[in-house]
Amino acid sequence: MFRFESLEIWQLAIEYANKLYKIAKKFPKEELFALSDQLRRAAVSISNNIAEGSGGTSKDFANYLNMAIKSTLETVNILYFAKEQEFIKEKQRKELYNEAEKLIRKTQAFKKALNF
């Protein structure tokens, strides 16, 4: 087992990305290579950064965790726009917003435990 696989933040990031992938599949076809693709890439970037960072020093890991947080924030922004375009409902956006907040809080706490 790789180090990252046992991390709660990585597991949460995978769950969050799976939800975002399902949502992106429901976007209009004309968004396939635009907003849908951008949401999917940002979503998978969260867990990718956690996994990649886990293979380096604590300082490197902290930098990758910062990138994971930024990717999470990117998904929040995309979901706002998707709601404005009526691709998703406000209730769904709020639920995912809350999940993003939880993921960011846990990632920040983990980063703090690394002493960075």
PDB file of N, CA and C in Angstrom:
ATOM      1  N   MET A   1       0.849  -1.188   0.000  1.00  0.00           N
ATOM      2  CA  MET A   1       0.000   0.000   0.000  1.00  0.00           C
ATOM      3  C   MET A   1       0.890   1.245   0.000  1.00  0.00           C
ATOM      4  N   PHE A   2       0.535   2.205  -0.822  1.00  0.00           N
ATOM      5  CA  PHE A   2       1.255   3.474  -0.846  1.00  0.00           C
ATOM      6  C   PHE A   2       0.774   4.356   0.303  1.00  0.00           C
ATOM      7  N   ARG A   3       1.636   5.236   0.747  1.00  0.00           N
ATOM      8  CA  ARG A   3       1.357   6.101   1.893  1.00  0.00           C
ATOM      9  C   ARG A   3       0.035   6.863   1.736  1.00  0.00           C
ATOM     10  N   PHE A   4      -0.199   7.419   0.577  1.00  0.00           N
ATOM     11  CA  PHE A   4      -1.376   8.262   0.371  1.00  0.00           C
ATOM     12  C   PHE A   4      -2.688   7.504   0.487  1.00  0.00           C
ATOM     13  N   GLU A   5      -2.673   6.205   0.193  1.00  0.00           N
ATOM     14  CA  GLU A   5      -3.914   5.431   0.194  1.00  0.00           C
ATOM     15  C   GLU A   5      -4.566   5.343   1.571  1.00  0.00           C
ATOM     16  N   SER A   6      -3.789   5.490   2.612  1.00  0.00           N
ATOM     17  CA  SER A   6      -4.340   5.420   3.965  1.00  0.00           C
ATOM     18  C   SER A   6      -4.771   6.792   4.497  1.00  0.00           C
ATOM     19  N   LEU A   7      -4.525   7.837   3.729  1.00  0.00           N
ATOM     20  CA  LEU A   7      -4.857   9.193   4.182  1.00  0.00           C
ATOM     21  C   LEU A   7      -6.337   9.500   3.978  1.00  0.00           C
ATOM     22  N   GLU A   8      -6.974   9.974   5.034  1.00  0.00           N
ATOM     23  CA  GLU A   8      -8.388  10.341   4.949  1.00  0.00           C
ATOM     24  C   GLU A   8      -8.613  11.422   3.897  1.00  0.00           C
ATOM     25  N   ILE A   9      -7.690  12.382   3.805  1.00  0.00           N
ATOM     26  CA  ILE A   9      -7.881  13.471   2.835  1.00  0.00           C
ATOM     27  C   ILE A   9      -7.856  12.949   1.404  1.00  0.00           C
ATOM     28  N   TRP A  10      -7.021  11.953   1.136  1.00  0.00           N
ATOM     29  CA  TRP A  10      -6.983  11.373  -0.208  1.00  0.00           C
ATOM     30  C   TRP A  10      -8.286  10.638  -0.488  1.00  0.00           C
ATOM     31  N   GLN A  11      -8.770   9.875   0.482  1.00  0.00           N
ATOM     32  CA  GLN A  11     -10.023   9.135   0.321  1.00  0.00           C
ATOM     33  C   GLN A  11     -11.193  10.086   0.086  1.00  0.00           C
ATOM     34  N   LEU A  12     -11.236  11.186   0.851  1.00  0.00           N
ATOM     35  CA  LEU A  12     -12.285  12.193   0.661  1.00  0.00           C
ATOM     36  C   LEU A  12     -12.177  12.844  -0.721  1.00  0.00           C
ATOM     37  N   ALA A  13     -10.951  13.092  -1.155  1.00  0.00           N
ATOM     38  CA  ALA A  13     -10.734  13.705  -2.470  1.00  0.00           C
ATOM     39  C   ALA A  13     -11.227  12.792  -3.592  1.00  0.00           C
ATOM     40  N   ILE A  14     -11.013  11.501  -3.445  1.00  0.00           N
ATOM     41  CA  ILE A  14     -11.494  10.538  -4.442  1.00  0.00           C
ATOM     42  C   ILE A  14     -13.026  10.535  -4.474  1.00  0.00           C
ATOM     43  N   GLU A  15     -13.652  10.518  -3.316  1.00  0.00           N
ATOM     44  CA  GLU A  15     -15.115  10.543  -3.238  1.00  0.00           C
ATOM     45  C   GLU A  15     -15.672  11.819  -3.866  1.00  0.00           C
ATOM     46  N   TYR A  16     -15.050  12.947  -3.534  1.00  0.00           N
ATOM     47  CA  TYR A  16     -15.479  14.245  -4.069  1.00  0.00           C
ATOM     48  C   TYR A  16     -15.340  14.251  -5.597  1.00  0.00           C
ATOM     49  N   ALA A  17     -14.222  13.763  -6.096  1.00  0.00           N
ATOM     50  CA  ALA A  17     -14.001  13.732  -7.550  1.00  0.00           C
ATOM     51  C   ALA A  17     -15.025  12.839  -8.244  1.00  0.00           C
ATOM     52  N   ASN A  18     -15.353  11.717  -7.642  1.00  0.00           N
ATOM     53  CA  ASN A  18     -16.365  10.838  -8.235  1.00  0.00           C
ATOM     54  C   ASN A  18     -17.706  11.548  -8.371  1.00  0.00           C
ATOM     55  N   LYS A  19     -18.082  12.307  -7.356  1.00  0.00           N
ATOM     56  CA  LYS A  19     -19.341  13.064  -7.415  1.00  0.00           C
ATOM     57  C   LYS A  19     -19.279  14.118  -8.517  1.00  0.00           C
ATOM     58  N   LEU A  20     -18.144  14.805  -8.612  1.00  0.00           N
ATOM     59  CA  LEU A  20     -18.007  15.853  -9.625  1.00  0.00           C
ATOM     60  C   LEU A  20     -18.002  15.266 -11.035  1.00  0.00           C
ATOM     61  N   TYR A  21     -17.408  14.108 -11.209  1.00  0.00           N
ATOM     62  CA  TYR A  21     -17.423  13.443 -12.517  1.00  0.00           C
ATOM     63  C   TYR A  21     -18.856  13.133 -12.935  1.00  0.00           C
ATOM     64  N   LYS A  22     -19.655  12.629 -12.005  1.00  0.00           N
ATOM     65  CA  LYS A  22     -21.056  12.314 -12.319  1.00  0.00           C
ATOM     66  C   LYS A  22     -21.826  13.570 -12.717  1.00  0.00           C
ATOM     67  N   ILE A  23     -21.555  14.664 -12.045  1.00  0.00           N
ATOM     68  CA  ILE A  23     -22.214  15.928 -12.367  1.00  0.00           C
ATOM     69  C   ILE A  23     -21.772  16.413 -13.743  1.00  0.00           C
ATOM     70  N   ALA A  24     -20.468  16.349 -14.007  1.00  0.00           N
ATOM     71  CA  ALA A  24     -19.940  16.819 -15.292  1.00  0.00           C
ATOM     72  C   ALA A  24     -20.533  16.041 -16.463  1.00  0.00           C
ATOM     73  N   LYS A  25     -20.834  14.782 -16.260  1.00  0.00           N
ATOM     74  CA  LYS A  25     -21.444  13.967 -17.324  1.00  0.00           C
ATOM     75  C   LYS A  25     -22.822  14.483 -17.721  1.00  0.00           C
ATOM     76  N   LYS A  26     -23.470  15.203 -16.813  1.00  0.00           N
ATOM     77  CA  LYS A  26     -24.820  15.709 -17.073  1.00  0.00           C
ATOM     78  C   LYS A  26     -24.833  17.099 -17.705  1.00  0.00           C
ATOM     79  N   PHE A  27     -23.667  17.712 -17.828  1.00  0.00           N
ATOM     80  CA  PHE A  27     -23.602  19.018 -18.477  1.00  0.00           C
ATOM     81  C   PHE A  27     -23.976  18.859 -19.948  1.00  0.00           C
ATOM     82  N   PRO A  28     -24.434  19.930 -20.580  1.00  0.00           N
ATOM     83  CA  PRO A  28     -24.771  19.864 -22.007  1.00  0.00           C
ATOM     84  C   PRO A  28     -23.568  19.412 -22.848  1.00  0.00           C
ATOM     85  N   LYS A  29     -23.851  18.740 -23.941  1.00  0.00           N
ATOM     86  CA  LYS A  29     -22.794  18.200 -24.804  1.00  0.00           C
ATOM     87  C   LYS A  29     -21.827  19.276 -25.303  1.00  0.00           C
ATOM     88  N   GLU A  30     -22.318  20.486 -25.518  1.00  0.00           N
ATOM     89  CA  GLU A  30     -21.435  21.554 -26.000  1.00  0.00           C
ATOM     90  C   GLU A  30     -20.406  21.969 -24.955  1.00  0.00           C
ATOM     91  N   GLU A  31     -20.592  21.519 -23.702  1.00  0.00           N
ATOM     92  CA  GLU A  31     -19.638  21.809 -22.626  1.00  0.00           C
ATOM     93  C   GLU A  31     -18.626  20.682 -22.430  1.00  0.00           C
ATOM     94  N   LEU A  32     -18.692  19.653 -23.264  1.00  0.00           N
ATOM     95  CA  LEU A  32     -17.836  18.480 -23.098  1.00  0.00           C
ATOM     96  C   LEU A  32     -16.352  18.846 -23.044  1.00  0.00           C
ATOM     97  N   PHE A  33     -15.917  19.744 -23.908  1.00  0.00           N
ATOM     98  CA  PHE A  33     -14.501  20.121 -23.952  1.00  0.00           C
ATOM     99  C   PHE A  33     -14.265  21.494 -23.330  1.00  0.00           C
ATOM    100  N   ALA A  34     -15.209  21.953 -22.551  1.00  0.00           N
ATOM    101  CA  ALA A  34     -15.066  23.249 -21.890  1.00  0.00           C
ATOM    102  C   ALA A  34     -15.255  23.063 -20.381  1.00  0.00           C
ATOM    103  N   LEU A  35     -16.380  23.507 -19.882  1.00  0.00           N
ATOM    104  CA  LEU A  35     -16.618  23.496 -18.435  1.00  0.00           C
ATOM    105  C   LEU A  35     -16.601  22.088 -17.841  1.00  0.00           C
ATOM    106  N   SER A  36     -17.165  21.141 -18.542  1.00  0.00           N
ATOM    107  CA  SER A  36     -17.192  19.754 -18.075  1.00  0.00           C
ATOM    108  C   SER A  36     -15.771  19.214 -17.913  1.00  0.00           C
ATOM    109  N   ASP A  37     -14.953  19.431 -18.922  1.00  0.00           N
ATOM    110  CA  ASP A  37     -13.565  18.974 -18.884  1.00  0.00           C
ATOM    111  C   ASP A  37     -12.782  19.679 -17.782  1.00  0.00           C
ATOM    112  N   GLN A  38     -13.001  20.964 -17.632  1.00  0.00           N
ATOM    113  CA  GLN A  38     -12.297  21.736 -16.615  1.00  0.00           C
ATOM    114  C   GLN A  38     -12.661  21.249 -15.213  1.00  0.00           C
ATOM    115  N   LEU A  39     -13.938  20.951 -14.992  1.00  0.00           N
ATOM    116  CA  LEU A  39     -14.371  20.446 -13.688  1.00  0.00           C
ATOM    117  C   LEU A  39     -13.736  19.091 -13.403  1.00  0.00           C
ATOM    118  N   ARG A  40     -13.730  18.216 -14.378  1.00  0.00           N
ATOM    119  CA  ARG A  40     -13.130  16.880 -14.188  1.00  0.00           C
ATOM    120  C   ARG A  40     -11.637  16.985 -13.900  1.00  0.00           C
ATOM    121  N   ARG A  41     -10.936  17.827 -14.635  1.00  0.00           N
ATOM    122  CA  ARG A  41      -9.485  17.963 -14.420  1.00  0.00           C
ATOM    123  C   ARG A  41      -9.178  18.543 -13.045  1.00  0.00           C
ATOM    124  N   ALA A  42      -9.935  19.544 -12.627  1.00  0.00           N
ATOM    125  CA  ALA A  42      -9.718  20.127 -11.295  1.00  0.00           C
ATOM    126  C   ALA A  42     -10.035  19.111 -10.210  1.00  0.00           C
ATOM    127  N   ALA A  43     -11.084  18.343 -10.410  1.00  0.00           N
ATOM    128  CA  ALA A  43     -11.497  17.358  -9.412  1.00  0.00           C
ATOM    129  C   ALA A  43     -10.435  16.286  -9.196  1.00  0.00           C
ATOM    130  N   VAL A  44      -9.909  15.749 -10.278  1.00  0.00           N
ATOM    131  CA  VAL A  44      -8.912  14.685 -10.148  1.00  0.00           C
ATOM    132  C   VAL A  44      -7.560  15.248  -9.699  1.00  0.00           C
ATOM    133  N   SER A  45      -7.322  16.513  -9.942  1.00  0.00           N
ATOM    134  CA  SER A  45      -6.082  17.159  -9.520  1.00  0.00           C
ATOM    135  C   SER A  45      -5.934  17.170  -7.996  1.00  0.00           C
ATOM    136  N   ILE A  46      -7.045  17.208  -7.290  1.00  0.00           N
ATOM    137  CA  ILE A  46      -6.994  17.237  -5.824  1.00  0.00           C
ATOM    138  C   ILE A  46      -6.299  15.980  -5.300  1.00  0.00           C
ATOM    139  N   SER A  47      -6.819  14.820  -5.651  1.00  0.00           N
ATOM    140  CA  SER A  47      -6.223  13.565  -5.166  1.00  0.00           C
ATOM    141  C   SER A  47      -4.856  13.322  -5.796  1.00  0.00           C
ATOM    142  N   ASN A  48      -4.667  13.759  -7.045  1.00  0.00           N
ATOM    143  CA  ASN A  48      -3.353  13.607  -7.680  1.00  0.00           C
ATOM    144  C   ASN A  48      -2.271  14.337  -6.896  1.00  0.00           C
ATOM    145  N   ASN A  49      -2.569  15.557  -6.476  1.00  0.00           N
ATOM    146  CA  ASN A  49      -1.579  16.331  -5.729  1.00  0.00           C
ATOM    147  C   ASN A  49      -1.291  15.715  -4.363  1.00  0.00           C
ATOM    148  N   ILE A  50      -2.305  15.180  -3.720  1.00  0.00           N
ATOM    149  CA  ILE A  50      -2.087  14.521  -2.430  1.00  0.00           C
ATOM    150  C   ILE A  50      -1.202  13.290  -2.635  1.00  0.00           C
ATOM    151  N   ALA A  51      -1.517  12.496  -3.641  1.00  0.00           N
ATOM    152  CA  ALA A  51      -0.736  11.291  -3.920  1.00  0.00           C
ATOM    153  C   ALA A  51       0.706  11.640  -4.292  1.00  0.00           C
ATOM    154  N   GLU A  52       0.872  12.571  -5.207  1.00  0.00           N
ATOM    155  CA  GLU A  52       2.209  12.933  -5.661  1.00  0.00           C
ATOM    156  C   GLU A  52       3.043  13.526  -4.529  1.00  0.00           C
ATOM    157  N   GLY A  53       2.429  14.372  -3.737  1.00  0.00           N
ATOM    158  CA  GLY A  53       3.153  15.004  -2.635  1.00  0.00           C
ATOM    159  C   GLY A  53       3.589  14.031  -1.559  1.00  0.00           C
ATOM    160  N   SER A  54       2.849  12.952  -1.405  1.00  0.00           N
ATOM    161  CA  SER A  54       3.160  11.997  -0.339  1.00  0.00           C
ATOM    162  C   SER A  54       4.489  11.275  -0.573  1.00  0.00           C
ATOM    163  N   GLY A  55       5.017  11.369  -1.769  1.00  0.00           N
ATOM    164  CA  GLY A  55       6.265  10.692  -2.076  1.00  0.00           C
ATOM    165  C   GLY A  55       7.508  11.526  -1.837  1.00  0.00           C
ATOM    166  N   GLY A  56       7.341  12.734  -1.343  1.00  0.00           N
ATOM    167  CA  GLY A  56       8.499  13.612  -1.139  1.00  0.00           C
ATOM    168  C   GLY A  56       8.723  13.964   0.317  1.00  0.00           C
ATOM    169  N   THR A  57       9.467  15.027   0.506  1.00  0.00           N
ATOM    170  CA  THR A  57       9.739  15.521   1.854  1.00  0.00           C
ATOM    171  C   THR A  57       8.490  16.187   2.425  1.00  0.00           C
ATOM    172  N   SER A  58       8.497  16.454   3.716  1.00  0.00           N
ATOM    173  CA  SER A  58       7.363  17.142   4.340  1.00  0.00           C
ATOM    174  C   SER A  58       7.147  18.516   3.716  1.00  0.00           C
ATOM    175  N   LYS A  59       8.240  19.201   3.394  1.00  0.00           N
ATOM    176  CA  LYS A  59       8.132  20.529   2.771  1.00  0.00           C
ATOM    177  C   LYS A  59       7.492  20.413   1.389  1.00  0.00           C
ATOM    178  N   ASP A  60       7.944  19.439   0.601  1.00  0.00           N
ATOM    179  CA  ASP A  60       7.343  19.215  -0.717  1.00  0.00           C
ATOM    180  C   ASP A  60       5.870  18.843  -0.577  1.00  0.00           C
ATOM    181  N   PHE A  61       5.593  17.971   0.389  1.00  0.00           N
ATOM    182  CA  PHE A  61       4.220  17.522   0.608  1.00  0.00           C
ATOM    183  C   PHE A  61       3.326  18.722   0.915  1.00  0.00           C
ATOM    184  N   ALA A  62       3.810  19.632   1.746  1.00  0.00           N
ATOM    185  CA  ALA A  62       3.033  20.823   2.097  1.00  0.00           C
ATOM    186  C   ALA A  62       2.710  21.640   0.843  1.00  0.00           C
ATOM    187  N   ASN A  63       3.655  21.750  -0.072  1.00  0.00           N
ATOM    188  CA  ASN A  63       3.410  22.486  -1.324  1.00  0.00           C
ATOM    189  C   ASN A  63       2.349  21.794  -2.173  1.00  0.00           C
ATOM    190  N   TYR A  64       2.408  20.479  -2.248  1.00  0.00           N
ATOM    191  CA  TYR A  64       1.405  19.731  -3.007  1.00  0.00           C
ATOM    192  C   TYR A  64       0.023  19.830  -2.346  1.00  0.00           C
ATOM    193  N   LEU A  65       0.007  19.867  -1.026  1.00  0.00           N
ATOM    194  CA  LEU A  65      -1.271  20.039  -0.320  1.00  0.00           C
ATOM    195  C   LEU A  65      -1.871  21.404  -0.630  1.00  0.00           C
ATOM    196  N   ASN A  66      -1.005  22.420  -0.750  1.00  0.00           N
ATOM    197  CA  ASN A  66      -1.497  23.749  -1.154  1.00  0.00           C
ATOM    198  C   ASN A  66      -2.120  23.694  -2.543  1.00  0.00           C
ATOM    199  N   MET A  67      -1.499  22.955  -3.442  1.00  0.00           N
ATOM    200  CA  MET A  67      -2.058  22.826  -4.793  1.00  0.00           C
ATOM    201  C   MET A  67      -3.388  22.071  -4.756  1.00  0.00           C
ATOM    202  N   ALA A  68      -3.493  21.066  -3.885  1.00  0.00           N
ATOM    203  CA  ALA A  68      -4.754  20.324  -3.739  1.00  0.00           C
ATOM    204  C   ALA A  68      -5.855  21.263  -3.254  1.00  0.00           C
ATOM    205  N   ILE A  69      -5.527  22.124  -2.313  1.00  0.00           N
ATOM    206  CA  ILE A  69      -6.497  23.107  -1.805  1.00  0.00           C
ATOM    207  C   ILE A  69      -6.928  24.046  -2.932  1.00  0.00           C
ATOM    208  N   LYS A  70      -5.972  24.507  -3.716  1.00  0.00           N
ATOM    209  CA  LYS A  70      -6.295  25.408  -4.829  1.00  0.00           C
ATOM    210  C   LYS A  70      -7.185  24.725  -5.868  1.00  0.00           C
ATOM    211  N   SER A  71      -6.931  23.455  -6.128  1.00  0.00           N
ATOM    212  CA  SER A  71      -7.781  22.719  -7.071  1.00  0.00           C
ATOM    213  C   SER A  71      -9.190  22.559  -6.518  1.00  0.00           C
ATOM    214  N   THR A  72      -9.295  22.368  -5.213  1.00  0.00           N
ATOM    215  CA  THR A  72     -10.617  22.277  -4.582  1.00  0.00           C
ATOM    216  C   THR A  72     -11.357  23.601  -4.745  1.00  0.00           C
ATOM    217  N   LEU A  73     -10.656  24.697  -4.515  1.00  0.00           N
ATOM    218  CA  LEU A  73     -11.267  26.018  -4.696  1.00  0.00           C
ATOM    219  C   LEU A  73     -11.687  26.241  -6.151  1.00  0.00           C
ATOM    220  N   GLU A  74     -10.912  25.723  -7.074  1.00  0.00           N
ATOM    221  CA  GLU A  74     -11.277  25.833  -8.491  1.00  0.00           C
ATOM    222  C   GLU A  74     -12.603  25.119  -8.755  1.00  0.00           C
ATOM    223  N   THR A  75     -12.798  23.947  -8.152  1.00  0.00           N
ATOM    224  CA  THR A  75     -14.065  23.235  -8.362  1.00  0.00           C
ATOM    225  C   THR A  75     -15.238  24.026  -7.799  1.00  0.00           C
ATOM    226  N   VAL A  76     -15.021  24.684  -6.660  1.00  0.00           N
ATOM    227  CA  VAL A  76     -16.084  25.497  -6.058  1.00  0.00           C
ATOM    228  C   VAL A  76     -16.483  26.614  -7.016  1.00  0.00           C
ATOM    229  N   ASN A  77     -15.503  27.258  -7.612  1.00  0.00           N
ATOM    230  CA  ASN A  77     -15.777  28.326  -8.560  1.00  0.00           C
ATOM    231  C   ASN A  77     -16.531  27.808  -9.783  1.00  0.00           C
ATOM    232  N   ILE A  78     -16.099  26.674 -10.311  1.00  0.00           N
ATOM    233  CA  ILE A  78     -16.761  26.093 -11.489  1.00  0.00           C
ATOM    234  C   ILE A  78     -18.202  25.733 -11.158  1.00  0.00           C
ATOM    235  N   LEU A  79     -18.426  25.212  -9.961  1.00  0.00           N
ATOM    236  CA  LEU A  79     -19.792  24.857  -9.563  1.00  0.00           C
ATOM    237  C   LEU A  79     -20.691  26.094  -9.448  1.00  0.00           C
ATOM    238  N   TYR A  80     -20.133  27.213  -8.994  1.00  0.00           N
ATOM    239  CA  TYR A  80     -20.909  28.464  -8.984  1.00  0.00           C
ATOM    240  C   TYR A  80     -21.339  28.815 -10.405  1.00  0.00           C
ATOM    241  N   PHE A  81     -20.385  28.742 -11.321  1.00  0.00           N
ATOM    242  CA  PHE A  81     -20.694  29.083 -12.703  1.00  0.00           C
ATOM    243  C   PHE A  81     -21.704  28.101 -13.295  1.00  0.00           C
ATOM    244  N   ALA A  82     -21.534  26.820 -12.998  1.00  0.00           N
ATOM    245  CA  ALA A  82     -22.467  25.793 -13.493  1.00  0.00           C
ATOM    246  C   ALA A  82     -23.878  26.052 -12.977  1.00  0.00           C
ATOM    247  N   LYS A  83     -23.983  26.515 -11.754  1.00  0.00           N
ATOM    248  CA  LYS A  83     -25.297  26.843 -11.186  1.00  0.00           C
ATOM    249  C   LYS A  83     -25.895  28.040 -11.918  1.00  0.00           C
ATOM    250  N   GLU A  84     -25.087  29.046 -12.185  1.00  0.00           N
ATOM    251  CA  GLU A  84     -25.556  30.236 -12.901  1.00  0.00           C
ATOM    252  C   GLU A  84     -26.016  29.886 -14.318  1.00  0.00           C
ATOM    253  N   GLN A  85     -25.387  28.882 -14.915  1.00  0.00           N
ATOM    254  CA  GLN A  85     -25.770  28.438 -16.258  1.00  0.00           C
ATOM    255  C   GLN A  85     -26.916  27.426 -16.219  1.00  0.00           C
ATOM    256  N   GLU A  86     -27.394  27.152 -15.008  1.00  0.00           N
ATOM    257  CA  GLU A  86     -28.502  26.214 -14.761  1.00  0.00           C
ATOM    258  C   GLU A  86     -28.160  24.780 -15.164  1.00  0.00           C
ATOM    259  N   PHE A  87     -26.870  24.417 -15.013  1.00  0.00           N
ATOM    260  CA  PHE A  87     -26.447  23.036 -15.241  1.00  0.00           C
ATOM    261  C   PHE A  87     -26.659  22.195 -13.987  1.00  0.00           C
ATOM    262  N   ILE A  88     -26.651  22.872 -12.821  1.00  0.00           N
ATOM    263  CA  ILE A  88     -26.909  22.200 -11.542  1.00  0.00           C
ATOM    264  C   ILE A  88     -27.843  23.082 -10.715  1.00  0.00           C
ATOM    265  N   LYS A  89     -28.465  22.489  -9.747  1.00  0.00           N
ATOM    266  CA  LYS A  89     -29.366  23.209  -8.833  1.00  0.00           C
ATOM    267  C   LYS A  89     -28.569  23.774  -7.661  1.00  0.00           C
ATOM    268  N   GLU A  90     -29.131  24.793  -7.028  1.00  0.00           N
ATOM    269  CA  GLU A  90     -28.480  25.425  -5.886  1.00  0.00           C
ATOM    270  C   GLU A  90     -28.260  24.428  -4.748  1.00  0.00           C
ATOM    271  N   LYS A  91     -29.212  23.557  -4.514  1.00  0.00           N
ATOM    272  CA  LYS A  91     -29.077  22.571  -3.435  1.00  0.00           C
ATOM    273  C   LYS A  91     -27.847  21.694  -3.659  1.00  0.00           C
ATOM    274  N   GLN A  92     -27.653  21.251  -4.873  1.00  0.00           N
ATOM    275  CA  GLN A  92     -26.503  20.411  -5.202  1.00  0.00           C
ATOM    276  C   GLN A  92     -25.197  21.189  -5.049  1.00  0.00           C
ATOM    277  N   ARG A  93     -25.202  22.444  -5.492  1.00  0.00           N
ATOM    278  CA  ARG A  93     -24.016  23.283  -5.358  1.00  0.00           C
ATOM    279  C   ARG A  93     -23.648  23.449  -3.895  1.00  0.00           C
ATOM    280  N   LYS A  94     -24.645  23.696  -3.044  1.00  0.00           N
ATOM    281  CA  LYS A  94     -24.385  23.879  -1.616  1.00  0.00           C
ATOM    282  C   LYS A  94     -23.830  22.614  -0.971  1.00  0.00           C
ATOM    283  N   GLU A  95     -24.376  21.469  -1.338  1.00  0.00           N
ATOM    284  CA  GLU A  95     -23.881  20.198  -0.787  1.00  0.00           C
ATOM    285  C   GLU A  95     -22.413  19.995  -1.154  1.00  0.00           C
ATOM    286  N   LEU A  96     -22.074  20.252  -2.399  1.00  0.00           N
ATOM    287  CA  LEU A  96     -20.693  20.092  -2.849  1.00  0.00           C
ATOM    288  C   LEU A  96     -19.785  21.164  -2.254  1.00  0.00           C
ATOM    289  N   TYR A  97     -20.332  22.353  -2.048  1.00  0.00           N
ATOM    290  CA  TYR A  97     -19.590  23.421  -1.386  1.00  0.00           C
ATOM    291  C   TYR A  97     -19.195  22.976   0.017  1.00  0.00           C
ATOM    292  N   ASN A  98     -20.142  22.389   0.744  1.00  0.00           N
ATOM    293  CA  ASN A  98     -19.867  21.916   2.097  1.00  0.00           C
ATOM    294  C   ASN A  98     -18.816  20.812   2.097  1.00  0.00           C
ATOM    295  N   GLU A  99     -18.883  19.925   1.127  1.00  0.00           N
ATOM    296  CA  GLU A  99     -17.870  18.866   1.020  1.00  0.00           C
ATOM    297  C   GLU A  99     -16.495  19.461   0.719  1.00  0.00           C
ATOM    298  N   ALA A 100     -16.461  20.468  -0.134  1.00  0.00           N
ATOM    299  CA  ALA A 100     -15.193  21.133  -0.452  1.00  0.00           C
ATOM    300  C   ALA A 100     -14.621  21.806   0.790  1.00  0.00           C
ATOM    301  N   GLU A 101     -15.474  22.469   1.556  1.00  0.00           N
ATOM    302  CA  GLU A 101     -15.025  23.107   2.798  1.00  0.00           C
ATOM    303  C   GLU A 101     -14.414  22.087   3.755  1.00  0.00           C
ATOM    304  N   LYS A 102     -15.078  20.967   3.904  1.00  0.00           N
ATOM    305  CA  LYS A 102     -14.599  19.901   4.791  1.00  0.00           C
ATOM    306  C   LYS A 102     -13.243  19.381   4.301  1.00  0.00           C
ATOM    307  N   LEU A 103     -13.131  19.151   3.016  1.00  0.00           N
ATOM    308  CA  LEU A 103     -11.887  18.654   2.449  1.00  0.00           C
ATOM    309  C   LEU A 103     -10.753  19.659   2.656  1.00  0.00           C
ATOM    310  N   ILE A 104     -11.032  20.927   2.452  1.00  0.00           N
ATOM    311  CA  ILE A 104     -10.006  21.960   2.649  1.00  0.00           C
ATOM    312  C   ILE A 104      -9.600  22.044   4.114  1.00  0.00           C
ATOM    313  N   ARG A 105     -10.568  22.027   5.025  1.00  0.00           N
ATOM    314  CA  ARG A 105     -10.249  22.079   6.469  1.00  0.00           C
ATOM    315  C   ARG A 105      -9.366  20.905   6.878  1.00  0.00           C
ATOM    316  N   LYS A 106      -9.712  19.716   6.433  1.00  0.00           N
ATOM    317  CA  LYS A 106      -8.945  18.521   6.788  1.00  0.00           C
ATOM    318  C   LYS A 106      -7.547  18.559   6.150  1.00  0.00           C
ATOM    319  N   THR A 107      -7.452  19.062   4.947  1.00  0.00           N
ATOM    320  CA  THR A 107      -6.151  19.175   4.282  1.00  0.00           C
ATOM    321  C   THR A 107      -5.273  20.188   5.008  1.00  0.00           C
ATOM    322  N   GLN A 108      -5.849  21.316   5.417  1.00  0.00           N
ATOM    323  CA  GLN A 108      -5.095  22.318   6.165  1.00  0.00           C
ATOM    324  C   GLN A 108      -4.626  21.770   7.515  1.00  0.00           C
ATOM    325  N   ALA A 109      -5.478  21.012   8.180  1.00  0.00           N
ATOM    326  CA  ALA A 109      -5.107  20.414   9.465  1.00  0.00           C
ATOM    327  C   ALA A 109      -3.983  19.401   9.272  1.00  0.00           C
ATOM    328  N   PHE A 110      -4.068  18.607   8.215  1.00  0.00           N
ATOM    329  CA  PHE A 110      -3.014  17.634   7.927  1.00  0.00           C
ATOM    330  C   PHE A 110      -1.705  18.358   7.644  1.00  0.00           C
ATOM    331  N   LYS A 111      -1.783  19.420   6.858  1.00  0.00           N
ATOM    332  CA  LYS A 111      -0.589  20.197   6.524  1.00  0.00           C
ATOM    333  C   LYS A 111       0.037  20.783   7.788  1.00  0.00           C
ATOM    334  N   LYS A 112      -0.794  21.265   8.675  1.00  0.00           N
ATOM    335  CA  LYS A 112      -0.303  21.830   9.935  1.00  0.00           C
ATOM    336  C   LYS A 112       0.412  20.754  10.759  1.00  0.00           C
ATOM    337  N   ALA A 113      -0.101  19.526  10.705  1.00  0.00           N
ATOM    338  CA  ALA A 113       0.538  18.415  11.422  1.00  0.00           C
ATOM    339  C   ALA A 113       1.920  18.100  10.855  1.00  0.00           C
ATOM    340  N   LEU A 114       2.149  18.468   9.597  1.00  0.00           N
ATOM    341  CA  LEU A 114       3.479  18.290   8.996  1.00  0.00           C
ATOM    342  C   LEU A 114       4.438  19.383   9.430  1.00  0.00           C
ATOM    343  N   ASN A 115       3.926  20.354  10.205  1.00  0.00           N
ATOM    344  CA  ASN A 115       4.698  21.504  10.709  1.00  0.00           C
ATOM    345  C   ASN A 115       5.022  22.519   9.618  1.00  0.00           C
ATOM    346  N   PHE A 116       4.097  22.662   8.640  1.00  0.00           N
ATOM    347  CA  PHE A 116       4.283  23.692   7.596  1.00  0.00           C
ATOM    348  C   PHE A 116       3.014  24.457   7.430  1.00  0.00           C
TER     349      PHE A 116
END
